[in-house]
Amino acid sequence: CPIPIPKRLWVSLVTSVGVGAQNRWAELSKKTVHQLVQELTQGRYLIQGKGVFKEEFVTCGGVSLKEVNFKTMESRQCPGLYFAGEILDIDGITGGFNFQSAWTTGWLGGQGIGNS
């Protein structure tokens, strides 16, 4: 993976645009790279129920807070990419804190995208 994203996400992205395991990054056409960018930035994904444990829970880790502009939620590493909610490296007690963090960062990110 040429960019630092989770391996399962990368596999899903390349599979969705038809890139096989035998393909090398340097050999991909500009069209294929563009399709990957489109999938990453504009892909739509269907959520089907709860996880395998049949309950939600919070995980720690995620995008480092140092890499995010908190006025807009825009990535400092990749302009035009915005983060919100549990993708951020924010740990808190399950419940109200995490909901409020998700709502607030989602609102800020939406405002940031709308004003860009």
PDB file of N, CA and C in Angstrom:
ATOM      1  N   CYS A   1       0.845  -1.188   0.000  1.00  0.00           N
ATOM      2  CA  CYS A   1       0.000   0.000   0.000  1.00  0.00           C
ATOM      3  C   CYS A   1       0.891   1.253   0.000  1.00  0.00           C
ATOM      4  N   PRO A   2       0.760   2.108  -0.986  1.00  0.00           N
ATOM      5  CA  PRO A   2       1.628   3.279  -1.077  1.00  0.00           C
ATOM      6  C   PRO A   2       1.241   4.417  -0.124  1.00  0.00           C
ATOM      7  N   ILE A   3       0.079   4.318   0.502  1.00  0.00           N
ATOM      8  CA  ILE A   3      -0.332   5.336   1.464  1.00  0.00           C
ATOM      9  C   ILE A   3      -0.690   4.646   2.780  1.00  0.00           C
ATOM     10  N   PRO A   4      -0.501   5.318   3.922  1.00  0.00           N
ATOM     11  CA  PRO A   4      -0.713   4.666   5.217  1.00  0.00           C
ATOM     12  C   PRO A   4      -2.194   4.556   5.603  1.00  0.00           C
ATOM     13  N   ILE A   5      -2.869   3.522   5.096  1.00  0.00           N
ATOM     14  CA  ILE A   5      -4.248   3.223   5.489  1.00  0.00           C
ATOM     15  C   ILE A   5      -4.311   1.757   5.886  1.00  0.00           C
ATOM     16  N   PRO A   6      -5.334   1.354   6.647  1.00  0.00           N
ATOM     17  CA  PRO A   6      -5.430  -0.049   7.061  1.00  0.00           C
ATOM     18  C   PRO A   6      -5.445  -0.997   5.855  1.00  0.00           C
ATOM     19  N   LYS A   7      -4.778  -2.137   6.025  1.00  0.00           N
ATOM     20  CA  LYS A   7      -4.631  -3.098   4.926  1.00  0.00           C
ATOM     21  C   LYS A   7      -5.988  -3.566   4.402  1.00  0.00           C
ATOM     22  N   ARG A   8      -6.953  -3.849   5.291  1.00  0.00           N
ATOM     23  CA  ARG A   8      -8.263  -4.323   4.823  1.00  0.00           C
ATOM     24  C   ARG A   8      -8.957  -3.274   3.973  1.00  0.00           C
ATOM     25  N   LEU A   9      -8.815  -1.992   4.318  1.00  0.00           N
ATOM     26  CA  LEU A   9      -9.398  -0.922   3.507  1.00  0.00           C
ATOM     27  C   LEU A   9      -8.717  -0.881   2.143  1.00  0.00           C
ATOM     28  N   TRP A  10      -7.394  -0.973   2.129  1.00  0.00           N
ATOM     29  CA  TRP A  10      -6.653  -0.956   0.872  1.00  0.00           C
ATOM     30  C   TRP A  10      -7.085  -2.116  -0.029  1.00  0.00           C
ATOM     31  N   VAL A  11      -7.187  -3.310   0.525  1.00  0.00           N
ATOM     32  CA  VAL A  11      -7.610  -4.477  -0.255  1.00  0.00           C
ATOM     33  C   VAL A  11      -9.002  -4.245  -0.834  1.00  0.00           C
ATOM     34  N   SER A  12      -9.899  -3.695  -0.040  1.00  0.00           N
ATOM     35  CA  SER A  12     -11.253  -3.402  -0.523  1.00  0.00           C
ATOM     36  C   SER A  12     -11.234  -2.389  -1.664  1.00  0.00           C
ATOM     37  N   LEU A  13     -10.431  -1.351  -1.521  1.00  0.00           N
ATOM     38  CA  LEU A  13     -10.348  -0.314  -2.558  1.00  0.00           C
ATOM     39  C   LEU A  13      -9.818  -0.872  -3.874  1.00  0.00           C
ATOM     40  N   VAL A  14      -8.702  -1.589  -3.816  1.00  0.00           N
ATOM     41  CA  VAL A  14      -8.118  -2.091  -5.058  1.00  0.00           C
ATOM     42  C   VAL A  14      -8.997  -3.162  -5.697  1.00  0.00           C
ATOM     43  N   THR A  15      -9.661  -3.961  -4.885  1.00  0.00           N
ATOM     44  CA  THR A  15     -10.564  -4.979  -5.416  1.00  0.00           C
ATOM     45  C   THR A  15     -11.744  -4.324  -6.125  1.00  0.00           C
ATOM     46  N   SER A  16     -12.265  -3.251  -5.549  1.00  0.00           N
ATOM     47  CA  SER A  16     -13.439  -2.591  -6.125  1.00  0.00           C
ATOM     48  C   SER A  16     -13.171  -1.972  -7.492  1.00  0.00           C
ATOM     49  N   VAL A  17     -11.920  -1.619  -7.773  1.00  0.00           N
ATOM     50  CA  VAL A  17     -11.601  -1.053  -9.092  1.00  0.00           C
ATOM     51  C   VAL A  17     -10.900  -2.052 -10.000  1.00  0.00           C
ATOM     52  N   GLY A  18     -10.793  -3.310  -9.560  1.00  0.00           N
ATOM     53  CA  GLY A  18     -10.269  -4.360 -10.412  1.00  0.00           C
ATOM     54  C   GLY A  18      -8.766  -4.502 -10.455  1.00  0.00           C
ATOM     55  N   VAL A  19      -8.071  -4.006  -9.449  1.00  0.00           N
ATOM     56  CA  VAL A  19      -6.619  -4.173  -9.388  1.00  0.00           C
ATOM     57  C   VAL A  19      -6.346  -5.495  -8.691  1.00  0.00           C
ATOM     58  N   GLY A  20      -5.570  -6.352  -9.320  1.00  0.00           N
ATOM     59  CA  GLY A  20      -5.258  -7.657  -8.758  1.00  0.00           C
ATOM     60  C   GLY A  20      -4.006  -7.646  -7.912  1.00  0.00           C
ATOM     61  N   ALA A  21      -3.800  -8.715  -7.166  1.00  0.00           N
ATOM     62  CA  ALA A  21      -2.633  -8.839  -6.293  1.00  0.00           C
ATOM     63  C   ALA A  21      -1.331  -8.841  -7.085  1.00  0.00           C
ATOM     64  N   GLN A  22      -1.388  -9.258  -8.349  1.00  0.00           N
ATOM     65  CA  GLN A  22      -0.182  -9.313  -9.165  1.00  0.00           C
ATOM     66  C   GLN A  22       0.222  -7.943  -9.710  1.00  0.00           C
ATOM     67  N   ASN A  23      -0.678  -6.963  -9.676  1.00  0.00           N
ATOM     68  CA  ASN A  23      -0.367  -5.630 -10.195  1.00  0.00           C
ATOM     69  C   ASN A  23       0.579  -4.885  -9.257  1.00  0.00           C
ATOM     70  N   ARG A  24       1.511  -4.141  -9.852  1.00  0.00           N
ATOM     71  CA  ARG A  24       2.439  -3.312  -9.084  1.00  0.00           C
ATOM     72  C   ARG A  24       1.987  -1.859  -9.205  1.00  0.00           C
ATOM     73  N   TRP A  25       2.163  -1.102  -8.135  1.00  0.00           N
ATOM     74  CA  TRP A  25       1.730   0.299  -8.100  1.00  0.00           C
ATOM     75  C   TRP A  25       2.313   1.082  -9.273  1.00  0.00           C
ATOM     76  N   ALA A  26       3.597   0.909  -9.542  1.00  0.00           N
ATOM     77  CA  ALA A  26       4.286   1.669 -10.591  1.00  0.00           C
ATOM     78  C   ALA A  26       3.748   1.343 -11.982  1.00  0.00           C
ATOM     79  N   GLU A  27       3.077   0.221 -12.126  1.00  0.00           N
ATOM     80  CA  GLU A  27       2.572  -0.196 -13.427  1.00  0.00           C
ATOM     81  C   GLU A  27       1.109   0.181 -13.668  1.00  0.00           C
ATOM     82  N   LEU A  28       0.450   0.762 -12.658  1.00  0.00           N
ATOM     83  CA  LEU A  28      -0.959   1.117 -12.819  1.00  0.00           C
ATOM     84  C   LEU A  28      -1.098   2.307 -13.760  1.00  0.00           C
ATOM     85  N   SER A  29      -2.134   2.283 -14.567  1.00  0.00           N
ATOM     86  CA  SER A  29      -2.391   3.398 -15.480  1.00  0.00           C
ATOM     87  C   SER A  29      -2.917   4.603 -14.688  1.00  0.00           C
ATOM     88  N   LYS A  30      -2.834   5.768 -15.303  1.00  0.00           N
ATOM     89  CA  LYS A  30      -3.376   6.979 -14.668  1.00  0.00           C
ATOM     90  C   LYS A  30      -4.871   6.814 -14.427  1.00  0.00           C
ATOM     91  N   LYS A  31      -5.552   6.155 -15.353  1.00  0.00           N
ATOM     92  CA  LYS A  31      -6.995   5.921 -15.205  1.00  0.00           C
ATOM     93  C   LYS A  31      -7.281   5.082 -13.962  1.00  0.00           C
ATOM     94  N   THR A  32      -6.513   4.028 -13.738  1.00  0.00           N
ATOM     95  CA  THR A  32      -6.714   3.168 -12.571  1.00  0.00           C
ATOM     96  C   THR A  32      -6.421   3.919 -11.280  1.00  0.00           C
ATOM     97  N   VAL A  33      -5.344   4.690 -11.262  1.00  0.00           N
ATOM     98  CA  VAL A  33      -5.025   5.492 -10.074  1.00  0.00           C
ATOM     99  C   VAL A  33      -6.160   6.478  -9.806  1.00  0.00           C
ATOM    100  N   HIS A  34      -6.692   7.093 -10.848  1.00  0.00           N
ATOM    101  CA  HIS A  34      -7.815   8.014 -10.699  1.00  0.00           C
ATOM    102  C   HIS A  34      -9.035   7.274 -10.134  1.00  0.00           C
ATOM    103  N   GLN A  35      -9.289   6.056 -10.598  1.00  0.00           N
ATOM    104  CA  GLN A  35     -10.408   5.271 -10.082  1.00  0.00           C
ATOM    105  C   GLN A  35     -10.223   4.978  -8.595  1.00  0.00           C
ATOM    106  N   LEU A  36      -8.994   4.679  -8.184  1.00  0.00           N
ATOM    107  CA  LEU A  36      -8.716   4.458  -6.756  1.00  0.00           C
ATOM    108  C   LEU A  36      -8.991   5.713  -5.939  1.00  0.00           C
ATOM    109  N   VAL A  37      -8.548   6.850  -6.448  1.00  0.00           N
ATOM    110  CA  VAL A  37      -8.792   8.120  -5.751  1.00  0.00           C
ATOM    111  C   VAL A  37     -10.292   8.374  -5.652  1.00  0.00           C
ATOM    112  N   GLN A  38     -11.019   8.146  -6.740  1.00  0.00           N
ATOM    113  CA  GLN A  38     -12.478   8.334  -6.739  1.00  0.00           C
ATOM    114  C   GLN A  38     -13.138   7.419  -5.712  1.00  0.00           C
ATOM    115  N   GLU A  39     -12.716   6.168  -5.664  1.00  0.00           N
ATOM    116  CA  GLU A  39     -13.300   5.218  -4.715  1.00  0.00           C
ATOM    117  C   GLU A  39     -13.009   5.641  -3.283  1.00  0.00           C
ATOM    118  N   LEU A  40     -11.792   6.093  -3.028  1.00  0.00           N
ATOM    119  CA  LEU A  40     -11.412   6.520  -1.686  1.00  0.00           C
ATOM    120  C   LEU A  40     -12.163   7.772  -1.258  1.00  0.00           C
ATOM    121  N   THR A  41     -12.345   8.714  -2.172  1.00  0.00           N
ATOM    122  CA  THR A  41     -12.943   9.998  -1.800  1.00  0.00           C
ATOM    123  C   THR A  41     -14.449  10.067  -2.004  1.00  0.00           C
ATOM    124  N   GLN A  42     -14.995   9.212  -2.888  1.00  0.00           N
ATOM    125  CA  GLN A  42     -16.423   9.319  -3.187  1.00  0.00           C
ATOM    126  C   GLN A  42     -17.164   7.987  -3.114  1.00  0.00           C
ATOM    127  N   GLY A  43     -16.479   6.948  -2.659  1.00  0.00           N
ATOM    128  CA  GLY A  43     -17.114   5.634  -2.567  1.00  0.00           C
ATOM    129  C   GLY A  43     -18.280   5.644  -1.580  1.00  0.00           C
ATOM    130  N   ARG A  44     -19.262   4.815  -1.861  1.00  0.00           N
ATOM    131  CA  ARG A  44     -20.415   4.651  -0.963  1.00  0.00           C
ATOM    132  C   ARG A  44     -20.428   3.210  -0.489  1.00  0.00           C
ATOM    133  N   TYR A  45     -20.694   3.033   0.782  1.00  0.00           N
ATOM    134  CA  TYR A  45     -20.598   1.707   1.375  1.00  0.00           C
ATOM    135  C   TYR A  45     -21.853   1.405   2.182  1.00  0.00           C
ATOM    136  N   LEU A  46     -22.402   0.225   2.000  1.00  0.00           N
ATOM    137  CA  LEU A  46     -23.605  -0.213   2.680  1.00  0.00           C
ATOM    138  C   LEU A  46     -23.232  -0.830   4.017  1.00  0.00           C
ATOM    139  N   ILE A  47     -23.849  -0.346   5.082  1.00  0.00           N
ATOM    140  CA  ILE A  47     -23.643  -0.907   6.412  1.00  0.00           C
ATOM    141  C   ILE A  47     -24.737  -1.936   6.639  1.00  0.00           C
ATOM    142  N   GLN A  48     -24.351  -3.138   6.980  1.00  0.00           N
ATOM    143  CA  GLN A  48     -25.315  -4.213   7.157  1.00  0.00           C
ATOM    144  C   GLN A  48     -25.288  -4.733   8.586  1.00  0.00           C
ATOM    145  N   GLY A  49     -26.001  -4.065   9.470  1.00  0.00           N
ATOM    146  CA  GLY A  49     -26.140  -4.559  10.830  1.00  0.00           C
ATOM    147  C   GLY A  49     -24.947  -4.295  11.714  1.00  0.00           C
ATOM    148  N   LYS A  50     -24.952  -4.972  12.834  1.00  0.00           N
ATOM    149  CA  LYS A  50     -23.903  -4.820  13.833  1.00  0.00           C
ATOM    150  C   LYS A  50     -22.736  -5.738  13.533  1.00  0.00           C
ATOM    151  N   GLY A  51     -21.664  -5.558  14.283  1.00  0.00           N
ATOM    152  CA  GLY A  51     -20.480  -6.381  14.114  1.00  0.00           C
ATOM    153  C   GLY A  51     -20.707  -7.824  14.522  1.00  0.00           C
ATOM    154  N   VAL A  52     -19.678  -8.630  14.416  1.00  0.00           N
ATOM    155  CA  VAL A  52     -19.792 -10.057  14.721  1.00  0.00           C
ATOM    156  C   VAL A  52     -20.129 -10.326  16.181  1.00  0.00           C
ATOM    157  N   PHE A  53     -19.860  -9.375  17.059  1.00  0.00           N
ATOM    158  CA  PHE A  53     -20.156  -9.565  18.469  1.00  0.00           C
ATOM    159  C   PHE A  53     -21.556  -9.072  18.826  1.00  0.00           C
ATOM    160  N   LYS A  54     -22.312  -8.580  17.835  1.00  0.00           N
ATOM    161  CA  LYS A  54     -23.688  -8.108  17.981  1.00  0.00           C
ATOM    162  C   LYS A  54     -23.824  -6.950  18.963  1.00  0.00           C
ATOM    163  N   GLU A  55     -22.778  -6.196  19.111  1.00  0.00           N
ATOM    164  CA  GLU A  55     -22.835  -4.997  19.930  1.00  0.00           C
ATOM    165  C   GLU A  55     -21.770  -4.029  19.465  1.00  0.00           C
ATOM    166  N   GLU A  56     -21.976  -2.767  19.752  1.00  0.00           N
ATOM    167  CA  GLU A  56     -21.003  -1.765  19.373  1.00  0.00           C
ATOM    168  C   GLU A  56     -20.019  -1.576  20.518  1.00  0.00           C
ATOM    169  N   PHE A  57     -18.814  -1.200  20.171  1.00  0.00           N
ATOM    170  CA  PHE A  57     -17.838  -0.854  21.191  1.00  0.00           C
ATOM    171  C   PHE A  57     -16.837   0.102  20.585  1.00  0.00           C
ATOM    172  N   VAL A  58     -16.120   0.782  21.425  1.00  0.00           N
ATOM    173  CA  VAL A  58     -15.174   1.785  20.980  1.00  0.00           C
ATOM    174  C   VAL A  58     -13.793   1.164  20.935  1.00  0.00           C
ATOM    175  N   THR A  59     -13.062   1.469  19.890  1.00  0.00           N
ATOM    176  CA  THR A  59     -11.677   1.036  19.804  1.00  0.00           C
ATOM    177  C   THR A  59     -10.782   2.255  19.936  1.00  0.00           C
ATOM    178  N   CYS A  60      -9.578   2.029  20.358  1.00  0.00           N
ATOM    179  CA  CYS A  60      -8.643   3.150  20.464  1.00  0.00           C
ATOM    180  C   CYS A  60      -7.764   3.184  19.228  1.00  0.00           C
ATOM    181  N   GLY A  61      -7.057   4.274  19.092  1.00  0.00           N
ATOM    182  CA  GLY A  61      -6.196   4.443  17.925  1.00  0.00           C
ATOM    183  C   GLY A  61      -6.919   5.202  16.840  1.00  0.00           C
ATOM    184  N   GLY A  62      -6.248   5.429  15.761  1.00  0.00           N
ATOM    185  CA  GLY A  62      -6.846   6.158  14.649  1.00  0.00           C
ATOM    186  C   GLY A  62      -5.912   7.249  14.171  1.00  0.00           C
ATOM    187  N   VAL A  63      -6.482   8.194  13.441  1.00  0.00           N
ATOM    188  CA  VAL A  63      -5.702   9.299  12.889  1.00  0.00           C
ATOM    189  C   VAL A  63      -5.198  10.168  14.040  1.00  0.00           C
ATOM    190  N   SER A  64      -3.910  10.417  14.042  1.00  0.00           N
ATOM    191  CA  SER A  64      -3.301  11.229  15.091  1.00  0.00           C
ATOM    192  C   SER A  64      -3.906  12.637  15.100  1.00  0.00           C
ATOM    193  N   LEU A  65      -4.219  13.127  16.268  1.00  0.00           N
ATOM    194  CA  LEU A  65      -4.814  14.459  16.395  1.00  0.00           C
ATOM    195  C   LEU A  65      -3.871  15.554  15.921  1.00  0.00           C
ATOM    196  N   LYS A  66      -2.571  15.290  15.945  1.00  0.00           N
ATOM    197  CA  LYS A  66      -1.593  16.262  15.455  1.00  0.00           C
ATOM    198  C   LYS A  66      -1.713  16.474  13.947  1.00  0.00           C
ATOM    199  N   GLU A  67      -2.354  15.506  13.248  1.00  0.00           N
ATOM    200  CA  GLU A  67      -2.462  15.564  11.794  1.00  0.00           C
ATOM    201  C   GLU A  67      -3.774  16.176  11.314  1.00  0.00           C
ATOM    202  N   VAL A  68      -4.562  16.768  12.247  1.00  0.00           N
ATOM    203  CA  VAL A  68      -5.878  17.281  11.891  1.00  0.00           C
ATOM    204  C   VAL A  68      -6.014  18.741  12.311  1.00  0.00           C
ATOM    205  N   ASN A  69      -6.536  19.569  11.425  1.00  0.00           N
ATOM    206  CA  ASN A  69      -6.870  20.955  11.739  1.00  0.00           C
ATOM    207  C   ASN A  69      -8.247  20.932  12.397  1.00  0.00           C
ATOM    208  N   PHE A  70      -8.322  21.215  13.692  1.00  0.00           N
ATOM    209  CA  PHE A  70      -9.586  21.083  14.413  1.00  0.00           C
ATOM    210  C   PHE A  70     -10.603  22.177  14.103  1.00  0.00           C
ATOM    211  N   LYS A  71     -10.224  23.197  13.377  1.00  0.00           N
ATOM    212  CA  LYS A  71     -11.206  24.197  12.948  1.00  0.00           C
ATOM    213  C   LYS A  71     -12.041  23.673  11.792  1.00  0.00           C
ATOM    214  N   THR A  72     -11.448  22.792  10.970  1.00  0.00           N
ATOM    215  CA  THR A  72     -12.145  22.284   9.784  1.00  0.00           C
ATOM    216  C   THR A  72     -12.199  20.757   9.730  1.00  0.00           C
ATOM    217  N   MET A  73     -11.426  20.073  10.545  1.00  0.00           N
ATOM    218  CA  MET A  73     -11.265  18.613  10.553  1.00  0.00           C
ATOM    219  C   MET A  73     -10.544  18.118   9.302  1.00  0.00           C
ATOM    220  N   GLU A  74      -9.848  19.020   8.612  1.00  0.00           N
ATOM    221  CA  GLU A  74      -9.107  18.653   7.416  1.00  0.00           C
ATOM    222  C   GLU A  74      -7.745  18.079   7.797  1.00  0.00           C
ATOM    223  N   SER A  75      -7.329  17.077   7.041  1.00  0.00           N
ATOM    224  CA  SER A  75      -6.020  16.476   7.242  1.00  0.00           C
ATOM    225  C   SER A  75      -4.921  17.499   6.958  1.00  0.00           C
ATOM    226  N   ARG A  76      -3.923  17.528   7.820  1.00  0.00           N
ATOM    227  CA  ARG A  76      -2.754  18.374   7.567  1.00  0.00           C
ATOM    228  C   ARG A  76      -1.810  17.680   6.583  1.00  0.00           C
ATOM    229  N   GLN A  77      -1.964  16.364   6.424  1.00  0.00           N
ATOM    230  CA  GLN A  77      -1.096  15.583   5.547  1.00  0.00           C
ATOM    231  C   GLN A  77      -1.638  15.496   4.127  1.00  0.00           C
ATOM    232  N   CYS A  78      -2.965  15.524   3.995  1.00  0.00           N
ATOM    233  CA  CYS A  78      -3.604  15.309   2.692  1.00  0.00           C
ATOM    234  C   CYS A  78      -4.752  16.307   2.541  1.00  0.00           C
ATOM    235  N   PRO A  79      -4.475  17.514   2.058  1.00  0.00           N
ATOM    236  CA  PRO A  79      -5.530  18.524   1.911  1.00  0.00           C
ATOM    237  C   PRO A  79      -6.713  17.982   1.104  1.00  0.00           C
ATOM    238  N   GLY A  80      -7.919  18.330   1.574  1.00  0.00           N
ATOM    239  CA  GLY A  80      -9.127  17.855   0.912  1.00  0.00           C
ATOM    240  C   GLY A  80      -9.695  16.592   1.535  1.00  0.00           C
ATOM    241  N   LEU A  81      -8.978  16.010   2.507  1.00  0.00           N
ATOM    242  CA  LEU A  81      -9.435  14.819   3.215  1.00  0.00           C
ATOM    243  C   LEU A  81      -9.829  15.243   4.622  1.00  0.00           C
ATOM    244  N   TYR A  82     -11.049  14.894   5.026  1.00  0.00           N
ATOM    245  CA  TYR A  82     -11.592  15.326   6.310  1.00  0.00           C
ATOM    246  C   TYR A  82     -11.889  14.116   7.185  1.00  0.00           C
ATOM    247  N   PHE A  83     -11.748  14.278   8.505  1.00  0.00           N
ATOM    248  CA  PHE A  83     -11.972  13.193   9.451  1.00  0.00           C
ATOM    249  C   PHE A  83     -13.010  13.589  10.485  1.00  0.00           C
ATOM    250  N   ALA A  84     -13.714  12.601  10.994  1.00  0.00           N
ATOM    251  CA  ALA A  84     -14.684  12.844  12.060  1.00  0.00           C
ATOM    252  C   ALA A  84     -14.921  11.549  12.825  1.00  0.00           C
ATOM    253  N   GLY A  85     -15.360  11.687  14.054  1.00  0.00           N
ATOM    254  CA  GLY A  85     -15.784  10.531  14.843  1.00  0.00           C
ATOM    255  C   GLY A  85     -14.648   9.629  15.275  1.00  0.00           C
ATOM    256  N   GLU A  86     -14.949   8.341  15.297  1.00  0.00           N
ATOM    257  CA  GLU A  86     -14.030   7.363  15.871  1.00  0.00           C
ATOM    258  C   GLU A  86     -12.841   7.020  14.985  1.00  0.00           C
ATOM    259  N   ILE A  87     -12.750   7.610  13.806  1.00  0.00           N
ATOM    260  CA  ILE A  87     -11.537   7.414  13.001  1.00  0.00           C
ATOM    261  C   ILE A  87     -10.379   8.200  13.614  1.00  0.00           C
ATOM    262  N   LEU A  88     -10.710   9.158  14.471  1.00  0.00           N
ATOM    263  CA  LEU A  88      -9.699   9.967  15.153  1.00  0.00           C
ATOM    264  C   LEU A  88      -9.185   9.236  16.390  1.00  0.00           C
ATOM    265  N   ASP A  89      -7.963   9.513  16.773  1.00  0.00           N
ATOM    266  CA  ASP A  89      -7.355   8.884  17.945  1.00  0.00           C
ATOM    267  C   ASP A  89      -7.828   9.599  19.212  1.00  0.00           C
ATOM    268  N   ILE A  90      -9.101   9.371  19.538  1.00  0.00           N
ATOM    269  CA  ILE A  90      -9.703   9.941  20.748  1.00  0.00           C
ATOM    270  C   ILE A  90     -10.245   8.774  21.563  1.00  0.00           C
ATOM    271  N   ASP A  91      -9.773   8.623  22.767  1.00  0.00           N
ATOM    272  CA  ASP A  91     -10.283   7.577  23.656  1.00  0.00           C
ATOM    273  C   ASP A  91     -11.180   8.214  24.700  1.00  0.00           C
ATOM    274  N   GLY A  92     -12.293   7.593  24.942  1.00  0.00           N
ATOM    275  CA  GLY A  92     -13.194   8.094  25.963  1.00  0.00           C
ATOM    276  C   GLY A  92     -14.103   6.980  26.429  1.00  0.00           C
ATOM    277  N   ILE A  93     -14.802   7.221  27.492  1.00  0.00           N
ATOM    278  CA  ILE A  93     -15.752   6.250  28.020  1.00  0.00           C
ATOM    279  C   ILE A  93     -16.883   6.096  27.008  1.00  0.00           C
ATOM    280  N   THR A  94     -17.278   4.850  26.743  1.00  0.00           N
ATOM    281  CA  THR A  94     -18.366   4.581  25.799  1.00  0.00           C
ATOM    282  C   THR A  94     -19.617   5.330  26.236  1.00  0.00           C
ATOM    283  N   GLY A  95     -20.297   5.900  25.267  1.00  0.00           N
ATOM    284  CA  GLY A  95     -21.534   6.610  25.572  1.00  0.00           C
ATOM    285  C   GLY A  95     -21.443   8.065  25.182  1.00  0.00           C
ATOM    286  N   GLY A  96     -21.860   8.938  26.072  1.00  0.00           N
ATOM    287  CA  GLY A  96     -22.011  10.350  25.787  1.00  0.00           C
ATOM    288  C   GLY A  96     -20.789  11.039  25.230  1.00  0.00           C
ATOM    289  N   PHE A  97     -19.605  10.776  25.802  1.00  0.00           N
ATOM    290  CA  PHE A  97     -18.402  11.445  25.327  1.00  0.00           C
ATOM    291  C   PHE A  97     -18.144  11.121  23.868  1.00  0.00           C
ATOM    292  N   ASN A  98     -18.220   9.847  23.514  1.00  0.00           N
ATOM    293  CA  ASN A  98     -17.941   9.441  22.140  1.00  0.00           C
ATOM    294  C   ASN A  98     -18.999   9.956  21.176  1.00  0.00           C
ATOM    295  N   PHE A  99     -20.259   9.955  21.597  1.00  0.00           N
ATOM    296  CA  PHE A  99     -21.309  10.512  20.745  1.00  0.00           C
ATOM    297  C   PHE A  99     -21.053  11.987  20.498  1.00  0.00           C
ATOM    298  N   GLN A 100     -20.771  12.732  21.562  1.00  0.00           N
ATOM    299  CA  GLN A 100     -20.550  14.172  21.417  1.00  0.00           C
ATOM    300  C   GLN A 100     -19.345  14.449  20.536  1.00  0.00           C
ATOM    301  N   SER A 101     -18.284  13.669  20.707  1.00  0.00           N
ATOM    302  CA  SER A 101     -17.098  13.837  19.871  1.00  0.00           C
ATOM    303  C   SER A 101     -17.440  13.578  18.403  1.00  0.00           C
ATOM    304  N   ALA A 102     -18.195  12.536  18.134  1.00  0.00           N
ATOM    305  CA  ALA A 102     -18.575  12.210  16.749  1.00  0.00           C
ATOM    306  C   ALA A 102     -19.455  13.311  16.157  1.00  0.00           C
ATOM    307  N   TRP A 103     -20.446  13.771  16.913  1.00  0.00           N
ATOM    308  CA  TRP A 103     -21.343  14.819  16.404  1.00  0.00           C
ATOM    309  C   TRP A 103     -20.584  16.117  16.145  1.00  0.00           C
ATOM    310  N   THR A 104     -19.743  16.500  17.088  1.00  0.00           N
ATOM    311  CA  THR A 104     -19.018  17.763  16.961  1.00  0.00           C
ATOM    312  C   THR A 104     -18.020  17.719  15.812  1.00  0.00           C
ATOM    313  N   THR A 105     -17.222  16.656  15.743  1.00  0.00           N
ATOM    314  CA  THR A 105     -16.242  16.586  14.664  1.00  0.00           C
ATOM    315  C   THR A 105     -16.929  16.418  13.310  1.00  0.00           C
ATOM    316  N   GLY A 106     -18.075  15.726  13.283  1.00  0.00           N
ATOM    317  CA  GLY A 106     -18.839  15.605  12.043  1.00  0.00           C
ATOM    318  C   GLY A 106     -19.354  16.956  11.580  1.00  0.00           C
ATOM    319  N   TRP A 107     -19.868  17.753  12.506  1.00  0.00           N
ATOM    320  CA  TRP A 107     -20.371  19.087  12.163  1.00  0.00           C
ATOM    321  C   TRP A 107     -19.229  19.977  11.680  1.00  0.00           C
ATOM    322  N   LEU A 108     -18.102  19.947  12.412  1.00  0.00           N
ATOM    323  CA  LEU A 108     -16.960  20.764  12.006  1.00  0.00           C
ATOM    324  C   LEU A 108     -16.446  20.345  10.633  1.00  0.00           C
ATOM    325  N   GLY A 109     -16.375  19.038  10.389  1.00  0.00           N
ATOM    326  CA  GLY A 109     -15.922  18.546   9.096  1.00  0.00           C
ATOM    327  C   GLY A 109     -16.869  18.965   7.983  1.00  0.00           C
ATOM    328  N   GLY A 110     -18.170  18.871   8.225  1.00  0.00           N
ATOM    329  CA  GLY A 110     -19.151  19.313   7.222  1.00  0.00           C
ATOM    330  C   GLY A 110     -19.014  20.782   6.918  1.00  0.00           C
ATOM    331  N   GLN A 111     -18.821  21.587   7.949  1.00  0.00           N
ATOM    332  CA  GLN A 111     -18.616  23.026   7.742  1.00  0.00           C
ATOM    333  C   GLN A 111     -17.323  23.271   6.978  1.00  0.00           C
ATOM    334  N   GLY A 112     -16.268  22.510   7.329  1.00  0.00           N
ATOM    335  CA  GLY A 112     -14.984  22.665   6.655  1.00  0.00           C
ATOM    336  C   GLY A 112     -15.090  22.324   5.164  1.00  0.00           C
ATOM    337  N   ILE A 113     -15.793  21.254   4.859  1.00  0.00           N
ATOM    338  CA  ILE A 113     -15.973  20.862   3.455  1.00  0.00           C
ATOM    339  C   ILE A 113     -16.805  21.905   2.724  1.00  0.00           C
ATOM    340  N   GLY A 114     -17.859  22.374   3.375  1.00  0.00           N
ATOM    341  CA  GLY A 114     -18.746  23.363   2.754  1.00  0.00           C
ATOM    342  C   GLY A 114     -18.075  24.688   2.500  1.00  0.00           C
ATOM    343  N   ASN A 115     -17.098  25.021   3.286  1.00  0.00           N
ATOM    344  CA  ASN A 115     -16.417  26.314   3.143  1.00  0.00           C
ATOM    345  C   ASN A 115     -15.152  26.222   2.303  1.00  0.00           C
ATOM    346  N   SER A 116     -14.823  25.017   1.824  1.00  0.00           N
ATOM    347  CA  SER A 116     -13.584  24.896   1.044  1.00  0.00           C
ATOM    348  C   SER A 116     -13.808  25.187  -0.417  1.00  0.00           C
TER     349      SER A 116
END
